[in-house]
Amino acid sequence: MKNPINEFFEGRSRHTLDEKGRLAIPARFREILKERGDTSLVVTNLNNCLVAFARDDWQKIKEKAINLPLFDSAANIYIRYFISGAIECPLKQGRILVPSDLRELAGLEKEVVLVGHLTRFEIWDKAKWEEEFERAKKSFPEISQSLSDLGI
């Protein structure tokens, strides 16, 4: 019987992009995709990193985005930046090819960090991730207090 708690992308891991931009996906992430019957990821740009979704989770985002108001400037920026950057990346031999334009946009060179976010995972340049993690670590006490007020 499937355990739904095991269907989430969790944890952090360091990886190396090869010269063609191929990225090995951790076995625990591949297992989630396999359980879902998914053979690819949808990768797009996000704030200073890339973000990867299983196809079903990406489909939910598209279904919400399609109903955004046509003349809303925030909606248009969201679609132009986030939605338009999406590329389906087939999983082959446990790896995906990260397109060069997305690698360039996120500043991915060789060393990267994958960061689980439950329904998705981020792909960071190692140096940028270390800076972001330091910011998160410093603000965590304050943030965790506000989240505890929400029952988390």
N, C-alpha and C. Protein backbone atom coordinates (compact mmCIF):
# COMPACT_ATOMS: atom_id res chain seq x y z
N MET A 1 0.83 -1.18 0.00
CA MET A 1 0.00 0.00 0.00
C MET A 1 0.88 1.25 0.00
N LYS A 2 0.54 2.21 -0.86
CA LYS A 2 1.33 3.43 -0.95
C LYS A 2 1.15 4.28 0.30
N ASN A 3 2.27 4.84 0.75
CA ASN A 3 2.24 5.76 1.88
C ASN A 3 2.34 7.17 1.32
N PRO A 4 1.25 7.98 1.40
CA PRO A 4 1.28 9.30 0.78
C PRO A 4 2.38 10.21 1.31
N ILE A 5 2.83 9.99 2.54
CA ILE A 5 3.89 10.84 3.10
C ILE A 5 5.21 10.63 2.36
N ASN A 6 5.37 9.47 1.71
CA ASN A 6 6.60 9.19 0.97
C ASN A 6 6.56 9.73 -0.45
N GLU A 7 5.50 10.42 -0.81
CA GLU A 7 5.36 10.94 -2.16
C GLU A 7 5.84 12.39 -2.28
N PHE A 8 6.56 12.86 -1.29
CA PHE A 8 7.02 14.25 -1.30
C PHE A 8 8.52 14.33 -1.51
N PHE A 9 8.94 15.42 -2.17
CA PHE A 9 10.36 15.69 -2.37
C PHE A 9 10.89 16.35 -1.11
N GLU A 10 11.79 15.67 -0.43
CA GLU A 10 12.36 16.18 0.81
C GLU A 10 13.87 16.06 0.79
N GLY A 11 14.52 16.86 1.61
CA GLY A 11 15.96 16.77 1.79
C GLY A 11 16.74 17.64 0.82
N ARG A 12 18.04 17.72 1.09
CA ARG A 12 18.97 18.47 0.25
C ARG A 12 20.09 17.53 -0.17
N SER A 13 20.58 17.73 -1.39
CA SER A 13 21.71 16.92 -1.84
C SER A 13 22.53 17.71 -2.86
N ARG A 14 23.82 17.45 -2.85
CA ARG A 14 24.75 18.12 -3.78
C ARG A 14 24.98 17.23 -4.99
N HIS A 15 25.06 17.89 -6.15
CA HIS A 15 25.26 17.17 -7.40
C HIS A 15 26.17 17.97 -8.31
N THR A 16 26.58 17.34 -9.39
CA THR A 16 27.42 17.99 -10.37
C THR A 16 26.76 17.89 -11.73
N LEU A 17 26.64 19.02 -12.41
CA LEU A 17 26.18 19.01 -13.80
C LEU A 17 27.34 18.56 -14.67
N ASP A 18 27.06 17.69 -15.64
CA ASP A 18 28.14 17.33 -16.55
C ASP A 18 28.27 18.40 -17.62
N GLU A 19 29.23 18.22 -18.53
CA GLU A 19 29.52 19.25 -19.54
C GLU A 19 28.35 19.54 -20.48
N LYS A 20 27.41 18.59 -20.60
CA LYS A 20 26.23 18.80 -21.45
C LYS A 20 25.04 19.37 -20.68
N GLY A 21 25.20 19.52 -19.37
CA GLY A 21 24.09 20.05 -18.57
C GLY A 21 23.17 18.97 -18.01
N ARG A 22 23.64 17.74 -18.00
CA ARG A 22 22.83 16.66 -17.44
C ARG A 22 22.97 16.62 -15.93
N LEU A 23 21.87 16.35 -15.27
CA LEU A 23 21.80 16.34 -13.81
C LEU A 23 21.24 15.01 -13.33
N ALA A 24 21.99 14.34 -12.45
CA ALA A 24 21.50 13.10 -11.85
C ALA A 24 20.43 13.44 -10.82
N ILE A 25 19.32 12.76 -10.89
CA ILE A 25 18.22 12.96 -9.95
C ILE A 25 18.39 11.93 -8.83
N PRO A 26 18.33 12.36 -7.56
CA PRO A 26 18.52 11.41 -6.46
C PRO A 26 17.52 10.25 -6.53
N ALA A 27 17.97 9.08 -6.09
CA ALA A 27 17.13 7.89 -6.14
C ALA A 27 15.81 8.11 -5.41
N ARG A 28 15.83 8.81 -4.28
CA ARG A 28 14.58 9.01 -3.53
C ARG A 28 13.59 9.86 -4.32
N PHE A 29 14.06 10.79 -5.14
CA PHE A 29 13.19 11.59 -5.99
C PHE A 29 12.71 10.76 -7.19
N ARG A 30 13.60 9.96 -7.74
CA ARG A 30 13.21 9.09 -8.87
C ARG A 30 12.13 8.10 -8.43
N GLU A 31 12.24 7.62 -7.20
CA GLU A 31 11.25 6.67 -6.68
C GLU A 31 9.86 7.32 -6.61
N ILE A 32 9.80 8.56 -6.21
CA ILE A 32 8.52 9.29 -6.17
C ILE A 32 7.93 9.37 -7.58
N LEU A 33 8.76 9.73 -8.54
CA LEU A 33 8.29 9.81 -9.92
C LEU A 33 7.83 8.45 -10.43
N LYS A 34 8.57 7.41 -10.08
CA LYS A 34 8.21 6.06 -10.51
C LYS A 34 6.86 5.64 -9.93
N GLU A 35 6.65 5.93 -8.64
CA GLU A 35 5.36 5.62 -7.98
C GLU A 35 4.21 6.31 -8.69
N ARG A 36 4.46 7.49 -9.22
CA ARG A 36 3.42 8.26 -9.91
C ARG A 36 3.29 7.87 -11.38
N GLY A 37 4.20 7.02 -11.84
CA GLY A 37 4.19 6.64 -13.25
C GLY A 37 4.69 7.76 -14.15
N ASP A 38 5.55 8.61 -13.60
CA ASP A 38 6.06 9.76 -14.33
C ASP A 38 7.47 9.47 -14.85
N THR A 39 7.73 9.88 -16.07
CA THR A 39 9.04 9.64 -16.68
C THR A 39 9.75 10.95 -17.02
N SER A 40 9.22 12.06 -16.51
CA SER A 40 9.88 13.34 -16.77
C SER A 40 9.53 14.33 -15.68
N LEU A 41 10.25 15.44 -15.69
CA LEU A 41 10.00 16.57 -14.78
C LEU A 41 9.72 17.80 -15.62
N VAL A 42 8.96 18.73 -15.07
CA VAL A 42 8.79 20.03 -15.70
C VAL A 42 9.65 21.00 -14.91
N VAL A 43 10.59 21.64 -15.59
CA VAL A 43 11.55 22.54 -14.95
C VAL A 43 11.30 23.95 -15.46
N THR A 44 11.30 24.92 -14.53
CA THR A 44 11.14 26.32 -14.89
C THR A 44 11.98 27.18 -13.97
N ASN A 45 12.04 28.48 -14.28
CA ASN A 45 12.84 29.40 -13.49
C ASN A 45 12.04 29.94 -12.32
N LEU A 46 12.75 30.19 -11.24
CA LEU A 46 12.18 30.79 -10.04
C LEU A 46 13.24 31.75 -9.51
N ASN A 47 12.98 32.40 -8.43
CA ASN A 47 13.90 33.41 -7.88
C ASN A 47 15.30 32.84 -7.64
N ASN A 48 16.23 33.12 -8.55
CA ASN A 48 17.65 32.74 -8.42
C ASN A 48 17.93 31.24 -8.50
N CYS A 49 16.94 30.45 -8.87
CA CYS A 49 17.14 29.01 -8.99
C CYS A 49 16.16 28.48 -10.02
N LEU A 50 16.20 27.17 -10.23
CA LEU A 50 15.20 26.49 -11.04
C LEU A 50 14.32 25.68 -10.11
N VAL A 51 13.15 25.34 -10.57
CA VAL A 51 12.25 24.52 -9.78
C VAL A 51 11.71 23.42 -10.69
N ALA A 52 11.66 22.20 -10.14
CA ALA A 52 11.23 21.02 -10.90
C ALA A 52 9.96 20.44 -10.28
N PHE A 53 9.01 20.12 -11.15
CA PHE A 53 7.73 19.57 -10.73
C PHE A 53 7.49 18.24 -11.43
N ALA A 54 6.80 17.33 -10.74
CA ALA A 54 6.22 16.17 -11.41
C ALA A 54 5.13 16.71 -12.33
N ARG A 55 4.83 16.01 -13.41
CA ARG A 55 3.87 16.52 -14.40
C ARG A 55 2.49 16.79 -13.80
N ASP A 56 1.99 15.93 -12.92
CA ASP A 56 0.66 16.14 -12.32
C ASP A 56 0.63 17.42 -11.50
N ASP A 57 1.68 17.69 -10.75
CA ASP A 57 1.73 18.92 -9.95
C ASP A 57 1.82 20.15 -10.85
N TRP A 58 2.57 20.04 -11.95
CA TRP A 58 2.65 21.16 -12.89
C TRP A 58 1.29 21.39 -13.55
N GLN A 59 0.58 20.33 -13.85
CA GLN A 59 -0.74 20.45 -14.46
C GLN A 59 -1.68 21.25 -13.57
N LYS A 60 -1.61 21.05 -12.26
CA LYS A 60 -2.45 21.80 -11.32
C LYS A 60 -2.13 23.30 -11.39
N ILE A 61 -0.86 23.62 -11.52
CA ILE A 61 -0.45 25.03 -11.63
C ILE A 61 -1.00 25.63 -12.91
N LYS A 62 -0.90 24.90 -14.02
CA LYS A 62 -1.41 25.40 -15.29
C LYS A 62 -2.91 25.61 -15.25
N GLU A 63 -3.62 24.70 -14.61
CA GLU A 63 -5.08 24.82 -14.53
C GLU A 63 -5.49 26.07 -13.76
N LYS A 64 -4.71 26.45 -12.77
CA LYS A 64 -5.00 27.69 -12.04
C LYS A 64 -4.59 28.91 -12.87
N ALA A 65 -3.46 28.82 -13.55
CA ALA A 65 -2.94 29.95 -14.32
C ALA A 65 -3.84 30.29 -15.51
N ILE A 66 -4.47 29.30 -16.08
CA ILE A 66 -5.30 29.55 -17.27
C ILE A 66 -6.49 30.46 -16.96
N ASN A 67 -6.88 30.51 -15.70
CA ASN A 67 -8.02 31.33 -15.29
C ASN A 67 -7.61 32.71 -14.76
N LEU A 68 -6.34 33.04 -14.84
CA LEU A 68 -5.91 34.36 -14.38
C LEU A 68 -6.46 35.44 -15.31
N PRO A 69 -6.76 36.62 -14.76
CA PRO A 69 -7.34 37.68 -15.59
C PRO A 69 -6.37 38.17 -16.66
N LEU A 70 -6.90 38.33 -17.84
CA LEU A 70 -6.10 38.73 -19.01
C LEU A 70 -5.41 40.07 -18.83
N PHE A 71 -6.07 41.02 -18.20
CA PHE A 71 -5.53 42.37 -18.11
C PHE A 71 -4.91 42.69 -16.75
N ASP A 72 -4.59 41.67 -15.97
CA ASP A 72 -3.95 41.87 -14.68
C ASP A 72 -2.43 41.83 -14.88
N SER A 73 -1.74 42.92 -14.56
CA SER A 73 -0.30 42.98 -14.83
C SER A 73 0.48 41.95 -14.03
N ALA A 74 0.10 41.69 -12.78
CA ALA A 74 0.81 40.67 -11.98
C ALA A 74 0.64 39.29 -12.60
N ALA A 75 -0.56 38.99 -13.07
CA ALA A 75 -0.81 37.69 -13.72
C ALA A 75 0.03 37.56 -14.98
N ASN A 76 0.13 38.62 -15.75
CA ASN A 76 0.92 38.57 -16.98
C ASN A 76 2.40 38.39 -16.70
N ILE A 77 2.90 39.07 -15.69
CA ILE A 77 4.31 38.89 -15.32
C ILE A 77 4.56 37.45 -14.88
N TYR A 78 3.66 36.91 -14.07
CA TYR A 78 3.76 35.52 -13.60
C TYR A 78 3.82 34.55 -14.79
N ILE A 79 2.93 34.73 -15.74
CA ILE A 79 2.89 33.84 -16.90
C ILE A 79 4.14 34.04 -17.76
N ARG A 80 4.53 35.28 -17.99
CA ARG A 80 5.70 35.54 -18.84
C ARG A 80 6.99 34.99 -18.24
N TYR A 81 7.13 35.08 -16.94
CA TYR A 81 8.37 34.64 -16.31
C TYR A 81 8.32 33.16 -15.93
N PHE A 82 7.33 32.79 -15.14
CA PHE A 82 7.30 31.47 -14.54
C PHE A 82 6.75 30.40 -15.49
N ILE A 83 5.57 30.63 -16.02
CA ILE A 83 4.92 29.63 -16.87
C ILE A 83 5.66 29.47 -18.20
N SER A 84 6.04 30.58 -18.82
CA SER A 84 6.68 30.48 -20.13
C SER A 84 8.05 29.83 -20.08
N GLY A 85 8.68 29.80 -18.91
CA GLY A 85 10.00 29.19 -18.79
C GLY A 85 9.97 27.68 -18.67
N ALA A 86 8.78 27.11 -18.53
CA ALA A 86 8.66 25.67 -18.26
C ALA A 86 9.04 24.81 -19.46
N ILE A 87 9.85 23.81 -19.17
CA ILE A 87 10.28 22.84 -20.18
C ILE A 87 10.19 21.45 -19.58
N GLU A 88 9.58 20.54 -20.33
CA GLU A 88 9.52 19.16 -19.87
C GLU A 88 10.87 18.50 -20.15
N CYS A 89 11.44 17.91 -19.10
CA CYS A 89 12.75 17.29 -19.18
C CYS A 89 12.60 15.79 -18.92
N PRO A 90 12.68 14.96 -19.96
CA PRO A 90 12.55 13.52 -19.77
C PRO A 90 13.67 12.96 -18.89
N LEU A 91 13.30 12.01 -18.07
CA LEU A 91 14.26 11.32 -17.20
C LEU A 91 14.84 10.15 -17.99
N LYS A 92 16.15 10.19 -18.22
CA LYS A 92 16.83 9.14 -18.97
C LYS A 92 18.03 8.67 -18.16
N GLN A 93 18.06 7.39 -17.87
CA GLN A 93 19.15 6.80 -17.09
C GLN A 93 19.36 7.54 -15.77
N GLY A 94 18.24 7.96 -15.16
CA GLY A 94 18.31 8.63 -13.86
C GLY A 94 18.73 10.08 -13.90
N ARG A 95 18.80 10.67 -15.12
CA ARG A 95 19.24 12.05 -15.27
C ARG A 95 18.26 12.83 -16.13
N ILE A 96 18.31 14.15 -15.99
CA ILE A 96 17.61 15.04 -16.91
C ILE A 96 18.64 15.97 -17.54
N LEU A 97 18.31 16.45 -18.72
CA LEU A 97 19.12 17.47 -19.37
C LEU A 97 18.49 18.81 -19.04
N VAL A 98 19.21 19.64 -18.31
CA VAL A 98 18.71 20.97 -17.97
C VAL A 98 19.06 21.89 -19.14
N PRO A 99 18.05 22.46 -19.80
CA PRO A 99 18.32 23.30 -20.98
C PRO A 99 19.27 24.45 -20.66
N SER A 100 20.11 24.78 -21.63
CA SER A 100 21.14 25.79 -21.42
C SER A 100 20.57 27.16 -21.04
N ASP A 101 19.42 27.54 -21.61
CA ASP A 101 18.87 28.86 -21.27
C ASP A 101 18.42 28.90 -19.81
N LEU A 102 17.88 27.81 -19.29
CA LEU A 102 17.51 27.78 -17.88
C LEU A 102 18.74 27.74 -16.99
N ARG A 103 19.76 26.98 -17.40
CA ARG A 103 21.01 26.96 -16.62
C ARG A 103 21.60 28.35 -16.53
N GLU A 104 21.61 29.05 -17.65
CA GLU A 104 22.17 30.41 -17.68
C GLU A 104 21.35 31.36 -16.80
N LEU A 105 20.04 31.28 -16.89
CA LEU A 105 19.18 32.16 -16.11
C LEU A 105 19.37 31.97 -14.61
N ALA A 106 19.57 30.72 -14.17
CA ALA A 106 19.75 30.43 -12.75
C ALA A 106 21.21 30.50 -12.32
N GLY A 107 22.12 30.73 -13.27
CA GLY A 107 23.54 30.81 -12.95
C GLY A 107 24.13 29.46 -12.56
N LEU A 108 23.58 28.38 -13.11
CA LEU A 108 24.09 27.04 -12.79
C LEU A 108 25.36 26.78 -13.58
N GLU A 109 26.39 26.40 -12.85
CA GLU A 109 27.66 26.10 -13.52
C GLU A 109 27.89 24.59 -13.42
N LYS A 110 28.62 24.16 -12.44
CA LYS A 110 28.94 22.75 -12.30
C LYS A 110 28.35 22.15 -11.03
N GLU A 111 28.64 22.78 -9.89
CA GLU A 111 28.15 22.26 -8.62
C GLU A 111 26.78 22.85 -8.31
N VAL A 112 25.82 21.96 -8.03
CA VAL A 112 24.46 22.38 -7.74
C VAL A 112 23.96 21.68 -6.48
N VAL A 113 22.89 22.24 -5.92
CA VAL A 113 22.24 21.66 -4.75
C VAL A 113 20.76 21.49 -5.09
N LEU A 114 20.23 20.30 -4.83
CA LEU A 114 18.80 20.05 -4.98
C LEU A 114 18.16 20.17 -3.62
N VAL A 115 17.06 20.93 -3.54
CA VAL A 115 16.41 21.23 -2.28
C VAL A 115 14.94 20.84 -2.38
N GLY A 116 14.54 19.82 -1.60
CA GLY A 116 13.16 19.35 -1.63
C GLY A 116 12.19 20.36 -1.05
N HIS A 117 11.05 20.51 -1.71
CA HIS A 117 9.99 21.43 -1.29
C HIS A 117 8.65 20.73 -1.33
N LEU A 118 8.62 19.48 -0.93
CA LEU A 118 7.41 18.66 -0.86
C LEU A 118 6.83 18.34 -2.24
N THR A 119 6.12 19.27 -2.89
CA THR A 119 5.53 18.97 -4.19
C THR A 119 6.45 19.34 -5.35
N ARG A 120 7.62 19.83 -5.05
CA ARG A 120 8.59 20.24 -6.06
C ARG A 120 9.97 20.22 -5.43
N PHE A 121 11.00 20.42 -6.25
CA PHE A 121 12.32 20.65 -5.68
C PHE A 121 13.04 21.71 -6.49
N GLU A 122 13.90 22.43 -5.77
CA GLU A 122 14.66 23.51 -6.39
C GLU A 122 16.04 23.00 -6.80
N ILE A 123 16.58 23.64 -7.83
CA ILE A 123 17.93 23.35 -8.32
C ILE A 123 18.71 24.66 -8.22
N TRP A 124 19.69 24.70 -7.32
CA TRP A 124 20.45 25.91 -7.03
C TRP A 124 21.91 25.75 -7.45
N ASP A 125 22.51 26.83 -7.89
CA ASP A 125 23.96 26.90 -7.96
C ASP A 125 24.46 26.79 -6.52
N LYS A 126 25.51 26.02 -6.29
CA LYS A 126 25.97 25.76 -4.93
C LYS A 126 26.28 27.05 -4.16
N ALA A 127 26.99 27.99 -4.76
CA ALA A 127 27.35 29.22 -4.06
C ALA A 127 26.11 30.06 -3.74
N LYS A 128 25.17 30.15 -4.69
CA LYS A 128 23.93 30.90 -4.44
C LYS A 128 23.12 30.22 -3.33
N TRP A 129 23.11 28.87 -3.34
CA TRP A 129 22.37 28.16 -2.30
C TRP A 129 22.95 28.46 -0.92
N GLU A 130 24.26 28.47 -0.81
CA GLU A 130 24.89 28.72 0.48
C GLU A 130 24.51 30.11 1.00
N GLU A 131 24.45 31.10 0.12
CA GLU A 131 24.01 32.45 0.52
C GLU A 131 22.54 32.43 0.96
N GLU A 132 21.71 31.78 0.18
CA GLU A 132 20.27 31.71 0.50
C GLU A 132 20.05 30.97 1.82
N PHE A 133 20.78 29.89 2.03
CA PHE A 133 20.62 29.11 3.25
C PHE A 133 21.02 29.93 4.48
N GLU A 134 22.07 30.73 4.36
CA GLU A 134 22.48 31.59 5.47
C GLU A 134 21.39 32.61 5.80
N ARG A 135 20.77 33.19 4.76
CA ARG A 135 19.65 34.11 5.00
C ARG A 135 18.50 33.39 5.70
N ALA A 136 18.19 32.20 5.24
CA ALA A 136 17.09 31.43 5.84
C ALA A 136 17.42 31.06 7.29
N LYS A 137 18.66 30.68 7.53
CA LYS A 137 19.06 30.29 8.88
C LYS A 137 18.92 31.46 9.85
N LYS A 138 19.29 32.67 9.41
CA LYS A 138 19.21 33.85 10.27
C LYS A 138 17.76 34.23 10.57
N SER A 139 16.88 34.08 9.60
CA SER A 139 15.49 34.49 9.82
C SER A 139 14.61 33.37 10.36
N PHE A 140 15.14 32.16 10.47
CA PHE A 140 14.33 31.02 10.89
C PHE A 140 13.69 31.19 12.27
N PRO A 141 14.39 31.67 13.30
CA PRO A 141 13.73 31.81 14.61
C PRO A 141 12.47 32.67 14.55
N GLU A 142 12.55 33.79 13.85
CA GLU A 142 11.38 34.67 13.74
C GLU A 142 10.27 34.03 12.91
N ILE A 143 10.64 33.46 11.79
CA ILE A 143 9.67 32.83 10.90
C ILE A 143 9.00 31.65 11.60
N SER A 144 9.79 30.83 12.29
CA SER A 144 9.21 29.65 12.94
C SER A 144 8.21 30.05 14.01
N GLN A 145 8.43 31.18 14.66
CA GLN A 145 7.46 31.66 15.66
C GLN A 145 6.14 32.03 15.00
N SER A 146 6.21 32.73 13.88
CA SER A 146 4.97 33.10 13.19
C SER A 146 4.24 31.89 12.66
N LEU A 147 4.99 30.87 12.21
CA LEU A 147 4.34 29.66 11.75
C LEU A 147 3.73 28.86 12.89
N SER A 148 4.33 28.93 14.06
CA SER A 148 3.76 28.21 15.21
C SER A 148 2.39 28.78 15.57
N ASP A 149 2.20 30.07 15.30
CA ASP A 149 0.89 30.69 15.51
C ASP A 149 -0.16 30.11 14.57
N LEU A 150 0.30 29.54 13.44
CA LEU A 150 -0.60 28.92 12.48
C LEU A 150 -0.77 27.42 12.73
N GLY A 151 -0.12 26.92 13.78
CA GLY A 151 -0.23 25.50 14.11
C GLY A 151 0.82 24.61 13.48
N ILE A 152 1.90 25.20 12.98
CA ILE A 152 2.97 24.42 12.35
C ILE A 152 4.14 24.33 13.30
